[in-house]
C-alpha atoms as a PDB file:
ATOM      1  CA  MET A   1     -21.121 -67.174 174.600  1.00  0.00           C
ATOM      2  CA  GLY A   2     -17.869 -67.708 176.462  1.00  0.00           C
ATOM      3  CA  ALA A   3     -19.565 -67.108 179.819  1.00  0.00           C
ATOM      4  CA  ALA A   4     -17.434 -67.459 182.940  1.00  0.00           C
ATOM      5  CA  SER A   5     -20.428 -68.334 185.105  1.00  0.00           C
ATOM      6  CA  SER A   6     -24.203 -68.663 185.088  1.00  0.00           C
ATOM      7  CA  LYS A   7     -26.656 -68.591 187.983  1.00  0.00           C
ATOM      8  CA  GLU A   8     -30.340 -69.438 187.709  1.00  0.00           C
ATOM      9  CA  LEU A   9     -32.658 -66.657 188.928  1.00  0.00           C
ATOM     10  CA  GLY A  10     -36.252 -67.789 188.620  1.00  0.00           C
ATOM     11  CA  ALA A  11     -37.086 -67.847 184.913  1.00  0.00           C
ATOM     12  CA  TYR A  12     -33.840 -66.042 184.069  1.00  0.00           C
ATOM     13  CA  HIS A  13     -30.091 -66.517 184.352  1.00  0.00           C
ATOM     14  CA  LEU A  14     -27.408 -64.207 185.673  1.00  0.00           C
ATOM     15  CA  VAL A  15     -24.517 -64.697 183.246  1.00  0.00           C
ATOM     16  CA  ARG A  16     -21.000 -63.298 183.549  1.00  0.00           C
ATOM     17  CA  LEU A  17     -19.628 -62.577 180.068  1.00  0.00           C
ATOM     18  CA  PRO A  18     -16.188 -61.436 178.914  1.00  0.00           C
ATOM     19  CA  ALA A  19     -15.648 -57.668 178.959  1.00  0.00           C
ATOM     20  CA  GLY A  20     -17.403 -55.950 176.059  1.00  0.00           C
ATOM     21  CA  ALA A  21     -19.434 -59.016 175.080  1.00  0.00           C
ATOM     22  CA  SER A  22     -23.181 -58.735 174.427  1.00  0.00           C
ATOM     23  CA  PRO A  23     -25.589 -61.653 175.040  1.00  0.00           C
ATOM     24  CA  ARG A  24     -27.386 -61.020 171.740  1.00  0.00           C
ATOM     25  CA  SER A  25     -24.308 -60.610 169.574  1.00  0.00           C
ATOM     26  CA  GLY A  26     -22.974 -63.502 167.557  1.00  0.00           C
ATOM     27  CA  PRO A  27     -24.724 -66.658 166.332  1.00  0.00           C
ATOM     28  CA  ALA A  28     -25.955 -67.625 169.816  1.00  0.00           C
ATOM     29  CA  GLY A  29     -27.868 -64.356 170.175  1.00  0.00           C
ATOM     30  CA  ILE A  30     -31.040 -65.768 168.621  1.00  0.00           C
ATOM     31  CA  PHE A  31     -31.432 -67.967 171.710  1.00  0.00           C
ATOM     32  CA  VAL A  32     -31.570 -64.918 174.040  1.00  0.00           C
ATOM     33  CA  PRO A  33     -35.099 -63.436 173.970  1.00  0.00           C
ATOM     34  CA  TRP A  34     -34.352 -60.615 176.430  1.00  0.00           C
ATOM     35  CA  CYS A  35     -31.252 -59.388 178.224  1.00  0.00           C
ATOM     36  CA  LEU A  36     -30.270 -56.707 180.723  1.00  0.00           C
ATOM     37  CA  PRO A  37     -26.846 -55.408 181.800  1.00  0.00           C
ATOM     38  CA  VAL A  38     -26.913 -55.910 185.576  1.00  0.00           C
ATOM     39  CA  GLU A  39     -25.341 -52.825 187.169  1.00  0.00           C
ATOM     40  CA  HIS A  40     -26.935 -53.212 190.607  1.00  0.00           C
ATOM     41  CA  ALA A  41     -27.624 -56.442 192.486  1.00  0.00           C
ATOM     42  CA  TRP A  42     -29.107 -57.090 195.914  1.00  0.00           C
ATOM     43  CA  PRO A  43     -29.261 -60.882 196.489  1.00  0.00           C
ATOM     44  CA  CYS A  44     -31.867 -61.411 199.212  1.00  0.00           C
ATOM     45  CA  ASP A  45     -35.337 -62.684 200.022  1.00  0.00           C
ATOM     46  CA  PRO A  46     -37.475 -59.498 199.774  1.00  0.00           C
ATOM     47  CA  GLY A  47     -40.181 -61.031 201.943  1.00  0.00           C
ATOM     48  CA  LYS A  48     -37.739 -61.222 204.855  1.00  0.00           C
ATOM     49  CA  VAL A  49     -36.364 -57.673 204.492  1.00  0.00           C
ATOM     50  CA  GLU A  50     -38.274 -55.112 206.510  1.00  0.00           C
ATOM     51  CA  GLY A  51     -39.028 -52.024 204.411  1.00  0.00           C
ATOM     52  CA  PHE A  52     -37.703 -53.673 201.250  1.00  0.00           C
ATOM     53  CA  VAL A  53     -39.477 -51.317 198.805  1.00  0.00           C
ATOM     54  CA  GLU A  54     -38.212 -48.164 200.515  1.00  0.00           C
ATOM     55  CA  LYS A  55     -34.663 -49.479 200.883  1.00  0.00           C
ATOM     56  CA  ALA A  56     -34.530 -50.770 197.314  1.00  0.00           C
ATOM     57  CA  ALA A  57     -35.993 -47.586 195.790  1.00  0.00           C
ATOM     58  CA  SER A  58     -33.573 -45.410 197.781  1.00  0.00           C
ATOM     59  CA  ALA A  59     -30.591 -47.450 196.600  1.00  0.00           C
ATOM     60  CA  LEU A  60     -31.749 -47.326 192.975  1.00  0.00           C
ATOM     61  CA  ALA A  61     -32.324 -43.577 193.153  1.00  0.00           C
ATOM     62  CA  ARG A  62     -28.861 -42.970 194.595  1.00  0.00           C
ATOM     63  CA  LYS A  63     -27.203 -45.047 191.917  1.00  0.00           C
ATOM     64  CA  PHE A  64     -29.243 -44.265 188.793  1.00  0.00           C
ATOM     65  CA  SER A  65     -31.248 -41.024 189.130  1.00  0.00           C
ATOM     66  CA  GLY A  66     -28.291 -38.898 187.999  1.00  0.00           C
ATOM     67  CA  ARG A  67     -28.344 -40.705 184.644  1.00  0.00           C
ATOM     68  CA  ARG A  68     -31.954 -39.534 184.157  1.00  0.00           C
ATOM     69  CA  PRO A  69     -33.565 -42.677 182.673  1.00  0.00           C
ATOM     70  CA  ARG A  70     -36.721 -42.084 180.649  1.00  0.00           C
ATOM     71  CA  THR A  71     -38.769 -44.199 183.038  1.00  0.00           C
ATOM     72  CA  VAL A  72     -38.605 -47.210 185.364  1.00  0.00           C
ATOM     73  CA  TRP A  73     -39.910 -50.696 184.601  1.00  0.00           C
ATOM     74  CA  VAL A  74     -39.982 -53.509 187.141  1.00  0.00           C
ATOM     75  CA  GLY A  75     -40.597 -57.167 186.315  1.00  0.00           C
ATOM     76  CA  MET A  76     -40.666 -60.432 188.237  1.00  0.00           C
ATOM     77  CA  LEU A  77     -37.945 -63.053 188.341  1.00  0.00           C
ATOM     78  CA  HIS A  78     -40.797 -65.556 188.726  1.00  0.00           C
ATOM     79  CA  PRO A  79     -43.414 -64.271 186.221  1.00  0.00           C
ATOM     80  CA  GLY A  80     -45.745 -67.205 186.860  1.00  0.00           C
ATOM     81  CA  HIS A  81     -45.779 -66.799 190.653  1.00  0.00           C
ATOM     82  CA  GLY A  82     -49.278 -67.795 191.753  1.00  0.00           C
ATOM     83  CA  ASP A  83     -50.086 -65.685 194.809  1.00  0.00           C
ATOM     84  CA  GLY A  84     -49.471 -62.274 193.223  1.00  0.00           C
ATOM     85  CA  TRP A  85     -47.224 -61.087 196.064  1.00  0.00           C
ATOM     86  CA  PHE A  86     -44.226 -60.426 193.829  1.00  0.00           C
ATOM     87  CA  LYS A  87     -46.443 -58.767 191.225  1.00  0.00           C
ATOM     88  CA  ARG A  88     -47.634 -56.291 193.850  1.00  0.00           C
ATOM     89  CA  LEU A  89     -44.067 -55.886 195.080  1.00  0.00           C
ATOM     90  CA  ALA A  90     -42.885 -55.035 191.555  1.00  0.00           C
ATOM     91  CA  SER A  91     -45.699 -52.527 191.099  1.00  0.00           C
ATOM     92  CA  ASN A  92     -45.009 -50.874 194.473  1.00  0.00           C
ATOM     93  CA  LEU A  93     -41.280 -50.676 193.785  1.00  0.00           C
ATOM     94  CA  ARG A  94     -41.846 -49.021 190.416  1.00  0.00           C
ATOM     95  CA  GLY A  95     -44.259 -46.512 191.917  1.00  0.00           C
ATOM     96  CA  ARG A  96     -41.833 -45.562 194.697  1.00  0.00           C
ATOM     97  CA  CYS A  97     -38.919 -45.243 192.253  1.00  0.00           C
ATOM     98  CA  LEU A  98     -40.907 -42.886 190.029  1.00  0.00           C
ATOM     99  CA  GLN A  99     -41.588 -40.711 193.074  1.00  0.00           C
ATOM    100  CA  MET A 100     -37.882 -40.541 193.918  1.00  0.00           C
ATOM    101  CA  PHE A 101     -36.449 -40.056 190.414  1.00  0.00           C
ATOM    102  CA  PRO A 102     -36.263 -36.716 188.526  1.00  0.00           C
ATOM    103  CA  ASP A 103     -39.206 -35.443 186.484  1.00  0.00           C
ATOM    104  CA  SER A 104     -37.623 -36.927 183.357  1.00  0.00           C
ATOM    105  CA  ALA A 105     -38.613 -40.408 184.584  1.00  0.00           C
ATOM    106  CA  MET A 106     -42.266 -40.119 183.648  1.00  0.00           C
ATOM    107  CA  PRO A 107     -44.745 -42.860 184.599  1.00  0.00           C
ATOM    108  CA  LEU A 108     -45.593 -44.038 181.086  1.00  0.00           C
ATOM    109  CA  ALA A 109     -48.868 -45.950 181.068  1.00  0.00           C
ATOM    110  CA  GLU A 110     -47.772 -48.513 178.474  1.00  0.00           C
ATOM    111  CA  ALA A 111     -44.315 -49.886 177.789  1.00  0.00           C
ATOM    112  CA  GLY A 112     -44.725 -49.648 174.029  1.00  0.00           C
ATOM    113  CA  SER A 113     -45.187 -45.866 174.272  1.00  0.00           C
ATOM    114  CA  GLN A 114     -41.499 -45.460 175.066  1.00  0.00           C
ATOM    115  CA  ARG A 115     -39.126 -44.838 172.177  1.00  0.00           C
ATOM    116  CA  PRO A 116     -37.009 -47.950 171.542  1.00  0.00           C
ATOM    117  CA  ASP A 117     -33.737 -46.027 171.758  1.00  0.00           C
ATOM    118  CA  GLU A 118     -34.545 -44.237 175.045  1.00  0.00           C
ATOM    119  CA  ALA A 119     -32.680 -45.565 178.075  1.00  0.00           C
ATOM    120  CA  ALA A 120     -34.869 -46.824 180.917  1.00  0.00           C
ATOM    121  CA  LEU A 121     -34.103 -48.348 184.286  1.00  0.00           C
ATOM    122  CA  PHE A 122     -35.132 -52.007 184.138  1.00  0.00           C
ATOM    123  CA  CYS A 123     -35.413 -53.951 187.395  1.00  0.00           C
ATOM    124  CA  MET A 124     -36.131 -57.603 188.085  1.00  0.00           C
ATOM    125  CA  VAL A 125     -37.304 -58.640 191.553  1.00  0.00           C
ATOM    126  CA  GLY A 126     -38.142 -61.978 193.104  1.00  0.00           C
ATOM    127  CA  ALA A 127     -37.136 -64.589 195.647  1.00  0.00           C
ATOM    128  CA  GLY A 128     -33.527 -64.258 194.454  1.00  0.00           C
ATOM    129  CA  GLY A 129     -33.416 -60.526 195.184  1.00  0.00           C
ATOM    130  CA  LEU A 130     -33.212 -57.395 193.041  1.00  0.00           C
ATOM    131  CA  TYR A 131     -31.225 -56.963 189.803  1.00  0.00           C
ATOM    132  CA  ALA A 132     -31.226 -53.728 187.804  1.00  0.00           C
ATOM    133  CA  GLY A 133     -29.514 -51.828 185.012  1.00  0.00           C
ATOM    134  CA  ILE A 134     -30.051 -49.030 182.492  1.00  0.00           C
ATOM    135  CA  ALA A 135     -30.519 -49.840 178.812  1.00  0.00           C
ATOM    136  CA  SER A 136     -32.818 -49.029 175.911  1.00  0.00           C
ATOM    137  CA  PRO A 137     -35.631 -51.409 174.926  1.00  0.00           C
ATOM    138  CA  ARG A 138     -33.793 -52.068 171.667  1.00  0.00           C
ATOM    139  CA  GLU A 139     -30.668 -53.143 173.558  1.00  0.00           C
ATOM    140  CA  CYS A 140     -32.742 -55.391 175.836  1.00  0.00           C
ATOM    141  CA  ASN A 141     -34.858 -56.701 172.930  1.00  0.00           C
ATOM    142  CA  GLY A 142     -38.153 -55.784 174.544  1.00  0.00           C
ATOM    143  CA  PHE A 143     -40.151 -52.909 176.001  1.00  0.00           C
ATOM    144  CA  TYR A 144     -41.176 -54.795 179.150  1.00  0.00           C
ATOM    145  CA  ALA A 145     -38.897 -55.742 182.033  1.00  0.00           C
ATOM    146  CA  GLY A 146     -38.189 -59.444 181.602  1.00  0.00           C
ATOM    147  CA  GLY A 147     -39.336 -59.462 177.979  1.00  0.00           C
ATOM    148  CA  ILE A 148     -42.782 -60.883 178.760  1.00  0.00           C
ATOM    149  CA  VAL A 149     -45.257 -59.016 176.571  1.00  0.00           C
ATOM    150  CA  HIS A 150     -48.535 -58.028 178.226  1.00  0.00           C
ATOM    151  CA  LEU A 151     -50.889 -57.346 175.317  1.00  0.00           C
ATOM    152  CA  PRO A 152     -54.632 -56.678 175.584  1.00  0.00           C
ATOM    153  CA  LYS A 153     -56.809 -59.272 173.923  1.00  0.00           C
ATOM    154  CA  SER A 154     -58.143 -58.178 170.552  1.00  0.00           C
ATOM    155  CA  ALA A 155     -61.832 -58.005 169.841  1.00  0.00           C
ATOM    156  CA  GLY A 156     -63.375 -61.194 168.495  1.00  0.00           C
ATOM    157  CA  LYS A 157     -62.883 -64.826 169.381  1.00  0.00           C
ATOM    158  CA  SER A 158     -59.439 -66.328 169.016  1.00  0.00           C
ATOM    159  CA  ILE A 159     -59.079 -68.935 166.298  1.00  0.00           C
ATOM    160  CA  SER A 160     -55.624 -70.226 167.264  1.00  0.00           C
ATOM    161  CA  ARG A 161     -52.583 -69.345 169.382  1.00  0.00           C
ATOM    162  CA  ALA A 162     -51.038 -67.833 166.242  1.00  0.00           C
ATOM    163  CA  GLY A 163     -53.097 -64.701 166.800  1.00  0.00           C
ATOM    164  CA  ALA A 164     -51.174 -63.912 169.975  1.00  0.00           C
ATOM    165  CA  LYS A 165     -47.938 -64.695 168.148  1.00  0.00           C
ATOM    166  CA  ILE A 166     -48.435 -62.085 165.418  1.00  0.00           C
ATOM    167  CA  ALA A 167     -49.630 -59.556 168.023  1.00  0.00           C
ATOM    168  CA  GLU A 168     -46.363 -60.073 169.899  1.00  0.00           C
ATOM    169  CA  ALA A 169     -44.375 -59.930 166.645  1.00  0.00           C
ATOM    170  CA  LEU A 170     -45.908 -56.560 165.746  1.00  0.00           C
ATOM    171  CA  HIS A 171     -45.182 -55.271 169.258  1.00  0.00           C
ATOM    172  CA  HIS A 172     -41.519 -56.257 168.834  1.00  0.00           C
ATOM    173  CA  ALA A 173     -41.420 -54.759 165.325  1.00  0.00           C
ATOM    174  CA  ALA A 174     -41.734 -51.335 166.941  1.00  0.00           C
ATOM    175  CA  LEU A 175     -38.204 -51.857 168.304  1.00  0.00           C
ATOM    176  CA  HIS A 176     -36.931 -51.453 164.729  1.00  0.00           C
ATOM    177  CA  GLY A 177     -39.298 -48.970 163.088  1.00  0.00           C
ATOM    178  CA  GLU A 178     -42.929 -48.109 162.590  1.00  0.00           C
ATOM    179  CA  PRO A 179     -44.823 -51.356 161.829  1.00  0.00           C
ATOM    180  CA  PRO A 180     -47.714 -51.389 159.331  1.00  0.00           C
ATOM    181  CA  GLY A 181     -50.701 -49.486 160.654  1.00  0.00           C
ATOM    182  CA  MET A 182     -54.407 -49.157 159.981  1.00  0.00           C
ATOM    183  CA  GLY A 183     -55.390 -49.959 156.421  1.00  0.00           C
ATOM    184  CA  ALA A 184     -52.133 -51.731 155.511  1.00  0.00           C
ATOM    185  CA  HIS A 185     -52.549 -54.596 153.047  1.00  0.00           C
ATOM    186  CA  TRP A 186     -50.892 -57.858 154.121  1.00  0.00           C
ATOM    187  CA  LEU A 187     -50.057 -60.894 152.011  1.00  0.00           C
ATOM    188  CA  GLU A 188     -50.280 -63.916 154.328  1.00  0.00           C
ATOM    189  CA  LEU A 189     -48.726 -67.243 153.314  1.00  0.00           C
ATOM    190  CA  GLY A 190     -49.917 -70.400 155.055  1.00  0.00           C
ATOM    191  CA  ALA A 191     -52.882 -68.669 156.681  1.00  0.00           C
ATOM    192  CA  SER A 192     -55.041 -71.645 157.768  1.00  0.00           C
ATOM    193  CA  PRO A 193     -56.858 -71.814 160.122  1.00  0.00           C
ATOM    194  CA  GLY A 194     -56.705 -68.019 160.367  1.00  0.00           C
ATOM    195  CA  GLY A 195     -55.493 -67.043 163.836  1.00  0.00           C
ATOM    196  CA  MET A 196     -53.068 -64.464 162.487  1.00  0.00           C
ATOM    197  CA  THR A 197     -55.552 -63.397 159.828  1.00  0.00           C
ATOM    198  CA  LEU A 198     -58.161 -62.543 162.442  1.00  0.00           C
ATOM    199  CA  GLU A 199     -55.660 -60.582 164.533  1.00  0.00           C
ATOM    200  CA  LEU A 200     -54.667 -58.452 161.539  1.00  0.00           C
ATOM    201  CA  LEU A 201     -58.289 -57.834 160.567  1.00  0.00           C
ATOM    202  CA  ASN A 202     -59.115 -56.834 164.134  1.00  0.00           C
ATOM    203  CA  ARG A 203     -56.361 -54.221 163.841  1.00  0.00           C
ATOM    204  CA  GLY A 204     -58.071 -52.619 160.863  1.00  0.00           C
ATOM    205  CA  GLN A 205     -55.759 -54.078 158.262  1.00  0.00           C
ATOM    206  CA  ARG A 206     -56.538 -55.842 154.984  1.00  0.00           C
ATOM    207  CA  VAL A 207     -55.358 -59.387 154.305  1.00  0.00           C
ATOM    208  CA  THR A 208     -54.903 -61.474 151.187  1.00  0.00           C
ATOM    209  CA  ALA A 209     -54.525 -64.995 152.575  1.00  0.00           C
ATOM    210  CA  ILE A 210     -53.145 -68.034 150.718  1.00  0.00           C
ATOM    211  CA  ASP A 211     -53.360 -71.665 151.848  1.00  0.00           C
ATOM    212  CA  ARG A 212     -54.321 -75.047 150.464  1.00  0.00           C
ATOM    213  CA  ALA A 213     -56.359 -75.699 153.603  1.00  0.00           C
ATOM    214  CA  PRO A 214     -59.569 -73.739 154.310  1.00  0.00           C
ATOM    215  CA  LEU A 215     -59.875 -70.906 156.794  1.00  0.00           C
ATOM    216  CA  ASP A 216     -62.014 -71.134 159.905  1.00  0.00           C
ATOM    217  CA  PRO A 217     -65.723 -70.640 159.024  1.00  0.00           C
ATOM    218  CA  ARG A 218     -65.823 -67.640 161.375  1.00  0.00           C
ATOM    219  CA  LEU A 219     -63.755 -65.730 158.800  1.00  0.00           C
ATOM    220  CA  ALA A 220     -66.267 -66.273 155.984  1.00  0.00           C
ATOM    221  CA  GLY A 221     -67.233 -62.941 154.478  1.00  0.00           C
ATOM    222  CA  ALA A 222     -64.943 -60.953 156.792  1.00  0.00           C
ATOM    223  CA  ASP A 223     -64.427 -57.341 155.744  1.00  0.00           C
ATOM    224  CA  GLY A 224     -60.978 -56.685 154.342  1.00  0.00           C
ATOM    225  CA  LEU A 225     -60.217 -60.361 153.629  1.00  0.00           C
ATOM    226  CA  SER A 226     -59.468 -62.016 150.298  1.00  0.00           C
ATOM    227  CA  PHE A 227     -58.773 -65.751 150.484  1.00  0.00           C
ATOM    228  CA  PHE A 228     -57.263 -67.993 147.798  1.00  0.00           C
ATOM    229  CA  GLN A 229     -57.367 -71.708 148.581  1.00  0.00           C
ATOM    230  CA  ARG A 230     -54.284 -72.433 146.524  1.00  0.00           C
ATOM    231  CA  ASP A 231     -50.763 -73.751 146.822  1.00  0.00           C
ATOM    232  CA  VAL A 232     -48.466 -70.847 147.682  1.00  0.00           C
ATOM    233  CA  SER A 233     -45.812 -72.082 145.239  1.00  0.00           C
ATOM    234  CA  THR A 234     -48.127 -71.652 142.226  1.00  0.00           C
ATOM    235  CA  TRP A 235     -49.935 -68.468 143.293  1.00  0.00           C
ATOM    236  CA  ARG A 236     -49.223 -65.217 141.458  1.00  0.00           C
ATOM    237  CA  ALA A 237     -50.067 -61.770 142.765  1.00  0.00           C
ATOM    238  CA  GLU A 238     -51.766 -59.069 140.708  1.00  0.00           C
ATOM    239  CA  GLU A 239     -51.207 -56.117 143.054  1.00  0.00           C
ATOM    240  CA  LYS A 240     -48.725 -54.617 145.501  1.00  0.00           C
ATOM    241  CA  PHE A 241     -48.720 -55.203 149.263  1.00  0.00           C
ATOM    242  CA  ASP A 242     -47.543 -53.250 152.321  1.00  0.00           C
ATOM    243  CA  ALA A 243     -46.399 -56.284 154.301  1.00  0.00           C
ATOM    244  CA  LEU A 244     -45.901 -60.033 154.058  1.00  0.00           C
ATOM    245  CA  LEU A 245     -46.511 -62.617 156.775  1.00  0.00           C
ATOM    246  CA  CYS A 246     -45.394 -66.229 156.538  1.00  0.00           C
ATOM    247  CA  ASP A 247     -46.121 -68.898 159.155  1.00  0.00           C
ATOM    248  CA  MET A 248     -45.972 -71.855 156.754  1.00  0.00           C
ATOM    249  CA  ASN A 249     -45.190 -75.352 157.950  1.00  0.00           C
ATOM    250  CA  GLY A 250     -42.898 -77.662 156.048  1.00  0.00           C
ATOM    251  CA  ASP A 251     -39.307 -77.133 154.969  1.00  0.00           C
ATOM    252  CA  PRO A 252     -38.242 -73.683 156.214  1.00  0.00           C
ATOM    253  CA  LEU A 253     -35.874 -72.991 153.319  1.00  0.00           C
ATOM    254  CA  GLU A 254     -38.611 -73.752 150.790  1.00  0.00           C
ATOM    255  CA  ALA A 255     -40.984 -71.518 152.744  1.00  0.00           C
ATOM    256  CA  PHE A 256     -38.513 -68.648 152.665  1.00  0.00           C
ATOM    257  CA  ALA A 257     -37.915 -69.207 148.958  1.00  0.00           C
ATOM    258  CA  GLN A 258     -41.621 -68.398 148.473  1.00  0.00           C
ATOM    259  CA  VAL A 259     -41.235 -65.316 150.656  1.00  0.00           C
ATOM    260  CA  ARG A 260     -38.354 -64.162 148.497  1.00  0.00           C
ATOM    261  CA  ARG A 261     -40.291 -64.851 145.275  1.00  0.00           C
ATOM    262  CA  LEU A 262     -43.421 -63.014 146.400  1.00  0.00           C
ATOM    263  CA  SER A 263     -41.458 -60.145 147.949  1.00  0.00           C
ATOM    264  CA  LEU A 264     -41.276 -58.757 144.404  1.00  0.00           C
ATOM    265  CA  TYR A 265     -44.921 -57.770 144.920  1.00  0.00           C
ATOM    266  CA  LEU A 266     -44.126 -55.707 148.007  1.00  0.00           C
ATOM    267  CA  ARG A 267     -43.941 -51.934 148.047  1.00  0.00           C
ATOM    268  CA  ASP A 268     -40.635 -50.299 148.897  1.00  0.00           C
ATOM    269  CA  GLY A 269     -40.110 -50.348 152.668  1.00  0.00           C
ATOM    270  CA  ALA A 270     -42.649 -53.141 153.194  1.00  0.00           C
ATOM    271  CA  TRP A 271     -42.332 -55.308 156.306  1.00  0.00           C
ATOM    272  CA  ILE A 272     -41.860 -59.080 156.320  1.00  0.00           C
ATOM    273  CA  VAL A 273     -42.604 -61.215 159.390  1.00  0.00           C
ATOM    274  CA  PHE A 274     -41.341 -64.763 158.882  1.00  0.00           C
ATOM    275  CA  THR A 275     -41.668 -67.706 161.261  1.00  0.00           C
ATOM    276  CA  LEU A 276     -38.583 -69.903 160.922  1.00  0.00           C
ATOM    277  CA  LYS A 277     -39.751 -73.427 161.747  1.00  0.00           C
ATOM    278  CA  THR A 278     -36.974 -75.693 163.011  1.00  0.00           C
ATOM    279  CA  THR A 279     -38.703 -79.085 163.031  1.00  0.00           C
ATOM    280  CA  GLY A 280     -36.216 -81.810 162.131  1.00  0.00           C
ATOM    281  CA  ARG A 281     -33.183 -79.802 163.206  1.00  0.00           C
ATOM    282  CA  GLU A 282     -31.496 -80.607 166.492  1.00  0.00           C
ATOM    283  CA  GLY A 283     -28.755 -78.892 168.443  1.00  0.00           C
ATOM    284  CA  MET A 284     -27.544 -75.316 168.514  1.00  0.00           C
ATOM    285  CA  ARG A 285     -25.182 -75.648 165.547  1.00  0.00           C
ATOM    286  CA  GLU A 286     -27.880 -77.002 163.209  1.00  0.00           C
ATOM    287  CA  LEU A 287     -30.270 -74.221 164.188  1.00  0.00           C
ATOM    288  CA  GLN A 288     -27.583 -71.573 163.714  1.00  0.00           C
ATOM    289  CA  ASP A 289     -26.724 -72.970 160.278  1.00  0.00           C
ATOM    290  CA  LEU A 290     -30.398 -72.931 159.267  1.00  0.00           C
ATOM    291  CA  HIS A 291     -30.745 -69.322 160.403  1.00  0.00           C
ATOM    292  CA  GLN A 292     -27.624 -68.311 158.488  1.00  0.00           C
ATOM    293  CA  LYS A 293     -28.920 -69.911 155.274  1.00  0.00           C
ATOM    294  CA  VAL A 294     -32.138 -67.908 155.552  1.00  0.00           C
ATOM    295  CA  LEU A 295     -30.153 -64.701 156.067  1.00  0.00           C
ATOM    296  CA  GLU A 296     -28.114 -65.474 152.957  1.00  0.00           C
ATOM    297  CA  GLN A 297     -31.327 -66.011 150.960  1.00  0.00           C
ATOM    298  CA  ALA A 298     -32.694 -62.736 152.299  1.00  0.00           C
ATOM    299  CA  LYS A 299     -29.604 -60.766 151.333  1.00  0.00           C
ATOM    300  CA  ALA A 300     -29.595 -62.277 147.850  1.00  0.00           C
ATOM    301  CA  GLY A 301     -33.228 -61.230 147.457  1.00  0.00           C
ATOM    302  CA  GLY A 302     -32.670 -57.627 148.532  1.00  0.00           C
ATOM    303  CA  LEU A 303     -34.368 -58.128 151.900  1.00  0.00           C
ATOM    304  CA  HIS A 304     -32.897 -56.268 154.871  1.00  0.00           C
ATOM    305  CA  HIS A 305     -32.785 -58.362 158.046  1.00  0.00           C
ATOM    306  CA  LEU A 306     -33.728 -56.349 161.144  1.00  0.00           C
ATOM    307  CA  ALA A 307     -33.830 -58.926 163.917  1.00  0.00           C
ATOM    308  CA  THR A 308     -34.438 -62.522 164.944  1.00  0.00           C
ATOM    309  CA  SER A 309     -35.912 -63.577 168.262  1.00  0.00           C
ATOM    310  CA  HIS A 310     -37.656 -66.377 170.096  1.00  0.00           C
ATOM    311  CA  LEU A 311     -40.984 -64.893 171.223  1.00  0.00           C
ATOM    312  CA  SER A 312     -42.935 -66.139 174.206  1.00  0.00           C
ATOM    313  CA  GLY A 313     -45.507 -67.466 171.723  1.00  0.00           C
ATOM    314  CA  ASN A 314     -42.904 -69.378 169.702  1.00  0.00           C
ATOM    315  CA  ARG A 315     -42.277 -73.076 170.212  1.00  0.00           C
ATOM    316  CA  ARG A 316     -39.623 -74.803 168.085  1.00  0.00           C
ATOM    317  CA  GLU A 317     -39.344 -71.747 165.876  1.00  0.00           C
ATOM    318  CA  PHE A 318     -37.953 -68.230 165.652  1.00  0.00           C
ATOM    319  CA  THR A 319     -39.501 -65.024 164.335  1.00  0.00           C
ATOM    320  CA  LEU A 320     -37.595 -62.919 161.808  1.00  0.00           C
ATOM    321  CA  TRP A 321     -38.325 -59.290 160.903  1.00  0.00           C
ATOM    322  CA  LEU A 322     -37.179 -57.988 157.517  1.00  0.00           C
ATOM    323  CA  ARG A 323     -37.923 -55.076 155.196  1.00  0.00           C
ATOM    324  CA  ARG A 324     -38.004 -54.848 151.435  1.00  0.00           C
ATOM    325  CA  HIS A 325     -35.988 -52.084 149.798  1.00  0.00           C
ATOM    326  CA  HIS A 326     -36.119 -52.206 146.010  1.00  0.00           C
ATOM    327  CA  SER A 327     -33.232 -49.777 145.713  1.00  0.00           C
ATOM    328  CA  SER A 328     -30.945 -52.410 147.303  1.00  0.00           C
END
């Protein structure tokens, strides 16, 4: 990224970039899950500062209240901190800021209820101090301070970690438009064992699932589910779908070739959520080249690329969001 310096701050890094540069711009941007322009910094140990919350909130109000942010979100530099002290500190700081800011900074109950293009004051607090700036969730690439998504568990027993992954992917989709809602019909490629399938069904959506391997027995007879135990490459659709989900293993370019082929069965404006597996590729350059090849395939197939990110539920993989526009 051409950074002049980088300092570790808990789970995050404070990076000094050239003027005008954005952490998520350029080929390296896919490796940045969440970013914040730091406009206010107070390096300190909050536990050793008497009246930290009051002093910090007063400073933030003086500096940012005139810009009338939509709301205030505070996260932890150490999100896995065990004793909960910093979690309470973050909550107390947010509450005090909302009391001191104008009425425009409403205490939204849920981060996802904010519009993605509305500027908010994001703050990160921890043993390294306080770091804050104003940006929209879309600019930061996440509704929550720090980018860690706090989603309620869906009804029903989890089948695999993939369920949490698609839940997070749909949460992030709202940064770029209205994701498929109740009653939407999904085509899911590589569905076994059914973690994502169950999450979609629990959201009141219909799923046509394709995989050579069977689904978990708990999905047998599930309302809204049609399952074809077939090879994706030979399967042909007989109807139109509102969205397509692909979490297939194997060669990622072959997997996306199937996405492109079956995207012809998507309605105009349909969403595509694609997991780009990177197994067998090493190093930043190889991963960037793989990503670029997928984008070229997408463009050739009339698929509009919205975003790419590494979600907290991803391992050696990225999540891509695309939309199908037949007019293109």
